[in-house]
Amino acid sequence: MKKNRIANLILLTSLALFTACSNKTPDVAKPKLTALDIMGIDVTKPVSHCTPSIDSLPLARTYPVLESYTEPTVQGCVTDITQLRQSEPEEVETVDKNLVNNIEESAKQLLGIKYVWGGTGPYNYDCSGFTQKIYRDAGITIPRVSRDQAKVGEYVSYENLRRGDMIFFDTKKHPKGKVTHVGIYLGNGNFIHASSAAKKIVIFNWNEKKFYKKRFLWGRRVIKDNTYFASL
C-alpha cells in the first residue's frame, strides 16, 4: 500500500509540473532590425527593381535633382596658334616716304658744292655739316659732328638700310672702327655725301666704290612712323 501511495504522489507532481510548463508563453527571440526596417520599407510588399524615389524614404532630406551634366566641347572653337599668328596683321615698319623724298631731293640740289673741312654752308660743307643741313631743313635736329650723329636715332645694320638713313664709315688709312665720315643712303647701294677725296658733294655707289663698302660701320634711322628722333 505504501508503495502505491508513493507512486501516485509522483504521478500527481509530474502532472502539475507539466501543466505549469505548457501554460507558460514560450520566450521567442526578437527579430533583428534591418536597414530596410529602419528606413520604413515594408519588405512584405512586392520589391521593385527600380531605385526607390526620395519621397519613399522617411525623414530623408530632399535636395534638388541636378540635371545631367555634359562636359562642354571645344572642338571647332580652338584655333591653332599658328593660325592666330597668321590672322594677325603683320607688323610692317612704315616710314614717312614724303619726308624721305624731300630729304633726297634737297640733298641732290647741293650736288657739286665744294667740300671744305668744317664747312657748314651755304657755299661749302664737310660731311657732317652737309648731313646736318639736310636733316635740319627737313625738321630733324641732329648733332654737328659725325661721331655724335652716329649715336642718334635707331641703329640700322647693312642689310636693313633704307632710303633716308644716315650711314657711317671709318675712312682712316688704318681703320679702328671709329666714325670718321657720314653720308645719306639713297637705296640700291647709292649714297650722297660731301667727299674729301672728290672735293665736293657727290653720289657714289659702293658696289663700284669698294672702299666705302669695306669701311661701312652702321646706319642710323631718324625717320620712322612720322617720328623724328631727338638729338643728343
C-alpha atoms as a PDB file:
ATOM      1  CA  MET A   1       0.000   0.000   0.000  1.00  0.00           C
ATOM      2  CA  LYS A   2       2.727   2.285   0.965  1.00  0.00           C
ATOM      3  CA  LYS A   3       4.418   1.805  -2.441  1.00  0.00           C
ATOM      4  CA  ASN A   4       1.164   2.617  -4.289  1.00  0.00           C
ATOM      5  CA  ARG A   5       0.797   5.898  -2.428  1.00  0.00           C
ATOM      6  CA  ILE A   6       4.298   6.984  -3.306  1.00  0.00           C
ATOM      7  CA  ALA A   7       3.764   6.192  -6.998  1.00  0.00           C
ATOM      8  CA  ASN A   8       0.533   8.179  -7.088  1.00  0.00           C
ATOM      9  CA  LEU A   9       2.242  11.143  -5.416  1.00  0.00           C
ATOM     10  CA  ILE A  10       4.995  11.173  -8.009  1.00  0.00           C
ATOM     11  CA  LEU A  11       2.441  10.984 -10.839  1.00  0.00           C
ATOM     12  CA  LEU A  12       0.445  13.892  -9.484  1.00  0.00           C
ATOM     13  CA  THR A  13       3.514  16.017  -9.032  1.00  0.00           C
ATOM     14  CA  SER A  14       4.651  15.341 -12.665  1.00  0.00           C
ATOM     15  CA  LEU A  15       1.252  16.294 -13.988  1.00  0.00           C
ATOM     16  CA  ALA A  16       1.351  19.590 -12.092  1.00  0.00           C
ATOM     17  CA  LEU A  17       4.776  20.444 -13.392  1.00  0.00           C
ATOM     18  CA  PHE A  18       3.803  19.583 -16.998  1.00  0.00           C
ATOM     19  CA  THR A  19       0.722  21.732 -16.810  1.00  0.00           C
ATOM     20  CA  ALA A  20       2.636  24.660 -15.448  1.00  0.00           C
ATOM     21  CA  CYS A  21       5.272  24.482 -18.244  1.00  0.00           C
ATOM     22  CA  SER A  22       2.695  24.099 -21.025  1.00  0.00           C
ATOM     23  CA  ASN A  23       0.743  27.193 -19.910  1.00  0.00           C
ATOM     24  CA  LYS A  24       3.867  29.458 -19.936  1.00  0.00           C
ATOM     25  CA  THR A  25       4.271  31.615 -23.090  1.00  0.00           C
ATOM     26  CA  PRO A  26       7.382  30.473 -24.880  1.00  0.00           C
ATOM     27  CA  ASP A  27      10.248  33.036 -24.992  1.00  0.00           C
ATOM     28  CA  VAL A  28      10.667  33.694 -28.706  1.00  0.00           C
ATOM     29  CA  ALA A  29      13.820  35.565 -29.845  1.00  0.00           C
ATOM     30  CA  LYS A  30      13.087  39.057 -31.078  1.00  0.00           C
ATOM     31  CA  PRO A  31      13.827  39.550 -34.795  1.00  0.00           C
ATOM     32  CA  LYS A  32      16.795  41.799 -35.593  1.00  0.00           C
ATOM     33  CA  LEU A  33      16.071  45.147 -37.242  1.00  0.00           C
ATOM     34  CA  THR A  34      17.384  45.516 -40.779  1.00  0.00           C
ATOM     35  CA  ALA A  35      18.318  48.693 -42.668  1.00  0.00           C
ATOM     36  CA  LEU A  36      15.047  48.418 -44.591  1.00  0.00           C
ATOM     37  CA  ASP A  37      13.083  48.304 -41.315  1.00  0.00           C
ATOM     38  CA  ILE A  38      14.837  51.445 -40.089  1.00  0.00           C
ATOM     39  CA  MET A  39      14.106  53.224 -43.384  1.00  0.00           C
ATOM     40  CA  GLY A  40      10.448  52.226 -43.167  1.00  0.00           C
ATOM     41  CA  ILE A  41      10.354  49.966 -46.202  1.00  0.00           C
ATOM     42  CA  ASP A  42       7.897  47.123 -45.946  1.00  0.00           C
ATOM     43  CA  VAL A  43       9.671  44.000 -47.126  1.00  0.00           C
ATOM     44  CA  THR A  44       6.350  42.167 -47.467  1.00  0.00           C
ATOM     45  CA  LYS A  45       5.388  44.373 -50.391  1.00  0.00           C
ATOM     46  CA  PRO A  46       6.481  43.439 -53.898  1.00  0.00           C
ATOM     47  CA  VAL A  47      10.030  44.564 -54.395  1.00  0.00           C
ATOM     48  CA  SER A  48      10.596  46.896 -57.282  1.00  0.00           C
ATOM     49  CA  HIS A  49      13.774  46.610 -59.267  1.00  0.00           C
ATOM     50  CA  CYS A  50      13.887  50.395 -59.727  1.00  0.00           C
ATOM     51  CA  THR A  51      15.634  52.765 -57.366  1.00  0.00           C
ATOM     52  CA  PRO A  52      13.157  53.981 -54.741  1.00  0.00           C
ATOM     53  CA  SER A  53      12.141  57.594 -55.027  1.00  0.00           C
ATOM     54  CA  ILE A  54      13.229  60.155 -52.484  1.00  0.00           C
ATOM     55  CA  ASP A  55       9.618  60.517 -51.341  1.00  0.00           C
ATOM     56  CA  SER A  56       9.571  56.887 -50.232  1.00  0.00           C
ATOM     57  CA  LEU A  57      12.367  57.462 -47.760  1.00  0.00           C
ATOM     58  CA  PRO A  58      11.049  58.782 -44.446  1.00  0.00           C
ATOM     59  CA  LEU A  59      12.980  61.520 -42.702  1.00  0.00           C
ATOM     60  CA  ALA A  60      15.165  61.844 -45.745  1.00  0.00           C
ATOM     61  CA  ARG A  61      16.263  65.352 -46.734  1.00  0.00           C
ATOM     62  CA  THR A  62      15.128  66.399 -50.166  1.00  0.00           C
ATOM     63  CA  TYR A  63      17.777  68.001 -52.425  1.00  0.00           C
ATOM     64  CA  PRO A  64      17.257  69.442 -55.891  1.00  0.00           C
ATOM     65  CA  VAL A  65      17.972  66.875 -58.536  1.00  0.00           C
ATOM     66  CA  LEU A  66      20.779  68.027 -60.808  1.00  0.00           C
ATOM     67  CA  GLU A  67      20.230  67.747 -64.494  1.00  0.00           C
ATOM     68  CA  SER A  68      22.666  65.622 -66.391  1.00  0.00           C
ATOM     69  CA  TYR A  69      25.977  67.455 -66.928  1.00  0.00           C
ATOM     70  CA  THR A  70      27.835  67.241 -70.183  1.00  0.00           C
ATOM     71  CA  GLU A  71      31.428  68.434 -70.476  1.00  0.00           C
ATOM     72  CA  PRO A  72      31.466  71.333 -72.926  1.00  0.00           C
ATOM     73  CA  THR A  73      33.229  70.551 -76.121  1.00  0.00           C
ATOM     74  CA  VAL A  74      35.849  72.860 -77.579  1.00  0.00           C
ATOM     75  CA  GLN A  75      36.014  71.131 -80.884  1.00  0.00           C
ATOM     76  CA  GLY A  76      35.794  73.657 -83.666  1.00  0.00           C
ATOM     77  CA  CYS A  77      36.425  76.577 -81.278  1.00  0.00           C
ATOM     78  CA  VAL A  78      40.114  76.259 -80.551  1.00  0.00           C
ATOM     79  CA  THR A  79      42.298  77.723 -83.240  1.00  0.00           C
ATOM     80  CA  ASP A  80      45.842  76.572 -83.747  1.00  0.00           C
ATOM     81  CA  ILE A  81      48.301  79.198 -82.504  1.00  0.00           C
ATOM     82  CA  THR A  82      49.958  79.300 -85.889  1.00  0.00           C
ATOM     83  CA  GLN A  83      46.601  80.225 -87.429  1.00  0.00           C
ATOM     84  CA  LEU A  84      46.206  83.006 -84.879  1.00  0.00           C
ATOM     85  CA  ARG A  85      49.559  84.394 -85.798  1.00  0.00           C
ATOM     86  CA  GLN A  86      48.726  84.218 -89.463  1.00  0.00           C
ATOM     87  CA  SER A  87      45.425  86.003 -88.912  1.00  0.00           C
ATOM     88  CA  GLU A  88      47.070  88.867 -87.068  1.00  0.00           C
ATOM     89  CA  PRO A  89      48.215  91.742 -89.240  1.00  0.00           C
ATOM     90  CA  GLU A  90      51.908  91.659 -89.846  1.00  0.00           C
ATOM     91  CA  GLU A  91      53.868  94.467 -88.282  1.00  0.00           C
ATOM     92  CA  VAL A  92      55.154  96.467 -91.166  1.00  0.00           C
ATOM     93  CA  GLU A  93      57.542  99.247 -90.333  1.00  0.00           C
ATOM     94  CA  THR A  94      56.262 102.370 -92.016  1.00  0.00           C
ATOM     95  CA  VAL A  95      58.390 105.360 -92.908  1.00  0.00           C
ATOM     96  CA  ASP A  96      57.305 108.841 -93.933  1.00  0.00           C
ATOM     97  CA  LYS A  97      58.048 108.434 -97.654  1.00  0.00           C
ATOM     98  CA  ASN A  98      57.246 112.040 -98.456  1.00  0.00           C
ATOM     99  CA  LEU A  99      59.831 113.167 -95.943  1.00  0.00           C
ATOM    100  CA  VAL A 100      62.379 110.745 -97.365  1.00  0.00           C
ATOM    101  CA  ASN A 101      61.736 112.065-100.864  1.00  0.00           C
ATOM    102  CA  ASN A 102      62.161 115.648 -99.660  1.00  0.00           C
ATOM    103  CA  ILE A 103      65.476 114.777 -97.984  1.00  0.00           C
ATOM    104  CA  GLU A 104      66.774 113.110-101.127  1.00  0.00           C
ATOM    105  CA  GLU A 105      65.712 115.998-103.378  1.00  0.00           C
ATOM    106  CA  SER A 106      67.187 118.572-101.021  1.00  0.00           C
ATOM    107  CA  ALA A 107      70.490 116.683-100.866  1.00  0.00           C
ATOM    108  CA  LYS A 108      70.722 116.350-104.645  1.00  0.00           C
ATOM    109  CA  GLN A 109      70.233 120.095-105.048  1.00  0.00           C
ATOM    110  CA  LEU A 110      73.648 120.543-103.393  1.00  0.00           C
ATOM    111  CA  LEU A 111      75.490 118.193-105.732  1.00  0.00           C
ATOM    112  CA  GLY A 112      78.778 119.717-106.816  1.00  0.00           C
ATOM    113  CA  ILE A 113      79.037 122.112-103.849  1.00  0.00           C
ATOM    114  CA  LYS A 114      82.652 122.312-102.688  1.00  0.00           C
ATOM    115  CA  TYR A 115      83.909 120.200 -99.820  1.00  0.00           C
ATOM    116  CA  VAL A 116      85.727 122.130 -97.076  1.00  0.00           C
ATOM    117  CA  TRP A 117      86.651 120.682 -93.718  1.00  0.00           C
ATOM    118  CA  GLY A 118      84.494 122.390 -91.029  1.00  0.00           C
ATOM    119  CA  GLY A 119      82.161 123.847 -93.656  1.00  0.00           C
ATOM    120  CA  THR A 120      78.518 124.242 -92.755  1.00  0.00           C
ATOM    121  CA  GLY A 121      77.300 126.062 -95.874  1.00  0.00           C
ATOM    122  CA  PRO A 122      75.900 127.605 -97.756  1.00  0.00           C
ATOM    123  CA  TYR A 123      78.860 127.584-100.141  1.00  0.00           C
ATOM    124  CA  ASN A 124      80.862 124.707 -98.784  1.00  0.00           C
ATOM    125  CA  TYR A 125      80.331 121.765 -96.480  1.00  0.00           C
ATOM    126  CA  ASP A 126      82.146 118.955 -94.802  1.00  0.00           C
ATOM    127  CA  CYS A 127      80.463 115.552 -94.476  1.00  0.00           C
ATOM    128  CA  SER A 128      78.658 116.166 -91.170  1.00  0.00           C
ATOM    129  CA  GLY A 129      77.913 119.811 -91.986  1.00  0.00           C
ATOM    130  CA  PHE A 130      76.162 118.579 -95.126  1.00  0.00           C
ATOM    131  CA  THR A 131      74.035 115.947 -93.320  1.00  0.00           C
ATOM    132  CA  GLN A 132      73.140 118.352 -90.527  1.00  0.00           C
ATOM    133  CA  LYS A 133      71.932 120.947 -93.042  1.00  0.00           C
ATOM    134  CA  ILE A 134      69.803 118.414 -94.984  1.00  0.00           C
ATOM    135  CA  TYR A 135      68.057 116.961 -91.925  1.00  0.00           C
ATOM    136  CA  ARG A 136      67.625 120.379 -90.330  1.00  0.00           C
ATOM    137  CA  ASP A 137      65.777 121.592 -93.426  1.00  0.00           C
ATOM    138  CA  ALA A 138      63.502 118.554 -93.033  1.00  0.00           C
ATOM    139  CA  GLY A 139      62.727 119.485 -89.433  1.00  0.00           C
ATOM    140  CA  ILE A 140      65.106 116.989 -87.825  1.00  0.00           C
ATOM    141  CA  THR A 141      67.777 118.260 -85.477  1.00  0.00           C
ATOM    142  CA  ILE A 142      70.962 116.192 -85.249  1.00  0.00           C
ATOM    143  CA  PRO A 143      74.378 116.965 -83.699  1.00  0.00           C
ATOM    144  CA  ARG A 144      77.115 118.752 -85.606  1.00  0.00           C
ATOM    145  CA  VAL A 145      79.921 116.168 -85.903  1.00  0.00           C
ATOM    146  CA  SER A 146      79.734 112.675 -87.402  1.00  0.00           C
ATOM    147  CA  ARG A 147      80.750 110.763 -84.257  1.00  0.00           C
ATOM    148  CA  ASP A 148      77.791 112.319 -82.393  1.00  0.00           C
ATOM    149  CA  GLN A 149      75.398 111.906 -85.301  1.00  0.00           C
ATOM    150  CA  ALA A 150      76.236 108.190 -85.153  1.00  0.00           C
ATOM    151  CA  LYS A 151      74.561 107.983 -81.735  1.00  0.00           C
ATOM    152  CA  VAL A 152      71.120 109.415 -82.505  1.00  0.00           C
ATOM    153  CA  GLY A 153      68.061 107.651 -83.914  1.00  0.00           C
ATOM    154  CA  GLU A 154      67.832 103.917 -84.362  1.00  0.00           C
ATOM    155  CA  TYR A 155      70.719 101.591 -85.150  1.00  0.00           C
ATOM    156  CA  VAL A 156      70.456 100.001 -88.613  1.00  0.00           C
ATOM    157  CA  SER A 157      72.552  97.147 -89.954  1.00  0.00           C
ATOM    158  CA  TYR A 158      73.853  96.965 -93.519  1.00  0.00           C
ATOM    159  CA  GLU A 159      71.118  94.509 -94.541  1.00  0.00           C
ATOM    160  CA  ASN A 160      68.329  96.747 -93.235  1.00  0.00           C
ATOM    161  CA  LEU A 161      69.346 100.095 -94.705  1.00  0.00           C
ATOM    162  CA  ARG A 162      66.612 102.238 -96.242  1.00  0.00           C
ATOM    163  CA  ARG A 163      66.471 105.494 -98.148  1.00  0.00           C
ATOM    164  CA  GLY A 164      66.955 108.431 -95.845  1.00  0.00           C
ATOM    165  CA  ASP A 165      69.160 106.589 -93.337  1.00  0.00           C
ATOM    166  CA  MET A 166      72.457 108.099 -92.301  1.00  0.00           C
ATOM    167  CA  ILE A 167      75.440 105.835 -92.962  1.00  0.00           C
ATOM    168  CA  PHE A 168      78.771 105.951 -91.164  1.00  0.00           C
ATOM    169  CA  PHE A 169      82.290 104.919 -92.119  1.00  0.00           C
ATOM    170  CA  ASP A 170      85.800 104.659 -90.774  1.00  0.00           C
ATOM    171  CA  THR A 171      87.831 106.116 -93.627  1.00  0.00           C
ATOM    172  CA  LYS A 172      91.189 106.243 -91.830  1.00  0.00           C
ATOM    173  CA  LYS A 173      94.175 104.636 -93.517  1.00  0.00           C
ATOM    174  CA  HIS A 174      94.356 102.220 -90.624  1.00  0.00           C
ATOM    175  CA  PRO A 175      90.690 101.818 -89.576  1.00  0.00           C
ATOM    176  CA  LYS A 176      89.903 101.135 -85.925  1.00  0.00           C
ATOM    177  CA  GLY A 177      86.117 101.097 -86.117  1.00  0.00           C
ATOM    178  CA  LYS A 178      85.687 104.736 -85.146  1.00  0.00           C
ATOM    179  CA  VAL A 179      83.333 107.024 -87.056  1.00  0.00           C
ATOM    180  CA  THR A 180      85.157 109.481 -89.310  1.00  0.00           C
ATOM    181  CA  HIS A 181      82.689 110.018 -92.174  1.00  0.00           C
ATOM    182  CA  VAL A 182      78.921 110.208 -92.800  1.00  0.00           C
ATOM    183  CA  GLY A 183      76.581 110.230 -95.799  1.00  0.00           C
ATOM    184  CA  ILE A 184      72.908 109.694 -96.645  1.00  0.00           C
ATOM    185  CA  TYR A 185      71.719 106.405 -98.144  1.00  0.00           C
ATOM    186  CA  LEU A 186      69.645 106.672-101.338  1.00  0.00           C
ATOM    187  CA  GLY A 187      68.946 102.979-101.915  1.00  0.00           C
ATOM    188  CA  ASN A 188      70.398 100.325-104.238  1.00  0.00           C
ATOM    189  CA  GLY A 189      73.893 100.911-102.866  1.00  0.00           C
ATOM    190  CA  ASN A 190      73.834 104.607-103.718  1.00  0.00           C
ATOM    191  CA  PHE A 191      74.652 107.302-101.156  1.00  0.00           C
ATOM    192  CA  ILE A 192      75.251 111.032-101.260  1.00  0.00           C
ATOM    193  CA  HIS A 193      77.966 112.718 -99.205  1.00  0.00           C
ATOM    194  CA  ALA A 194      80.440 115.572 -99.078  1.00  0.00           C
ATOM    195  CA  SER A 195      83.588 113.745-100.172  1.00  0.00           C
ATOM    196  CA  SER A 196      87.041 114.961 -99.180  1.00  0.00           C
ATOM    197  CA  ALA A 197      88.522 112.773-101.932  1.00  0.00           C
ATOM    198  CA  ALA A 198      86.204 114.180-104.638  1.00  0.00           C
ATOM    199  CA  LYS A 199      86.398 117.698-103.089  1.00  0.00           C
ATOM    200  CA  LYS A 200      82.657 118.126-103.490  1.00  0.00           C
ATOM    201  CA  ILE A 201      79.228 116.677-102.785  1.00  0.00           C
ATOM    202  CA  VAL A 202      78.781 113.560-104.896  1.00  0.00           C
ATOM    203  CA  ILE A 203      76.760 110.383-105.246  1.00  0.00           C
ATOM    204  CA  PHE A 204      78.715 107.129-105.043  1.00  0.00           C
ATOM    205  CA  ASN A 205      77.648 103.527-105.376  1.00  0.00           C
ATOM    206  CA  TRP A 206      79.596 101.353-103.003  1.00  0.00           C
ATOM    207  CA  ASN A 207      79.308  98.373-105.277  1.00  0.00           C
ATOM    208  CA  GLU A 208      81.506 100.437-107.593  1.00  0.00           C
ATOM    209  CA  LYS A 209      83.465 102.179-104.863  1.00  0.00           C
ATOM    210  CA  LYS A 210      84.512  99.115-102.833  1.00  0.00           C
ATOM    211  CA  PHE A 211      86.463 101.283-100.430  1.00  0.00           C
ATOM    212  CA  TYR A 212      83.313 102.641 -98.785  1.00  0.00           C
ATOM    213  CA  LYS A 213      81.603  99.269 -98.635  1.00  0.00           C
ATOM    214  CA  LYS A 214      84.598  97.830 -96.787  1.00  0.00           C
ATOM    215  CA  ARG A 215      84.712 100.778 -94.379  1.00  0.00           C
ATOM    216  CA  PHE A 216      80.994 100.818 -93.612  1.00  0.00           C
ATOM    217  CA  LEU A 217      80.233 100.681 -89.860  1.00  0.00           C
ATOM    218  CA  TRP A 218      76.475 101.052 -89.369  1.00  0.00           C
ATOM    219  CA  GLY A 219      73.455 103.177 -90.200  1.00  0.00           C
ATOM    220  CA  ARG A 220      71.165 105.330 -88.078  1.00  0.00           C
ATOM    221  CA  ARG A 221      67.489 105.940 -88.802  1.00  0.00           C
ATOM    222  CA  VAL A 222      65.976 109.246 -87.708  1.00  0.00           C
ATOM    223  CA  ILE A 223      62.766 108.919 -89.769  1.00  0.00           C
ATOM    224  CA  LYS A 224      60.219 106.337 -88.670  1.00  0.00           C
ATOM    225  CA  ASP A 225      56.407 106.400 -88.432  1.00  0.00           C
ATOM    226  CA  ASN A 226      56.388 110.185 -88.859  1.00  0.00           C
ATOM    227  CA  THR A 227      58.547 110.413 -85.731  1.00  0.00           C
ATOM    228  CA  TYR A 228      61.696 112.466 -85.767  1.00  0.00           C
ATOM    229  CA  PHE A 229      64.201 111.260 -83.233  1.00  0.00           C
ATOM    230  CA  ALA A 230      65.503 113.875 -80.827  1.00  0.00           C
ATOM    231  CA  SER A 231      69.122 114.890 -80.960  1.00  0.00           C
ATOM    232  CA  LEU A 232      71.644 114.327 -78.191  1.00  0.00           C
END
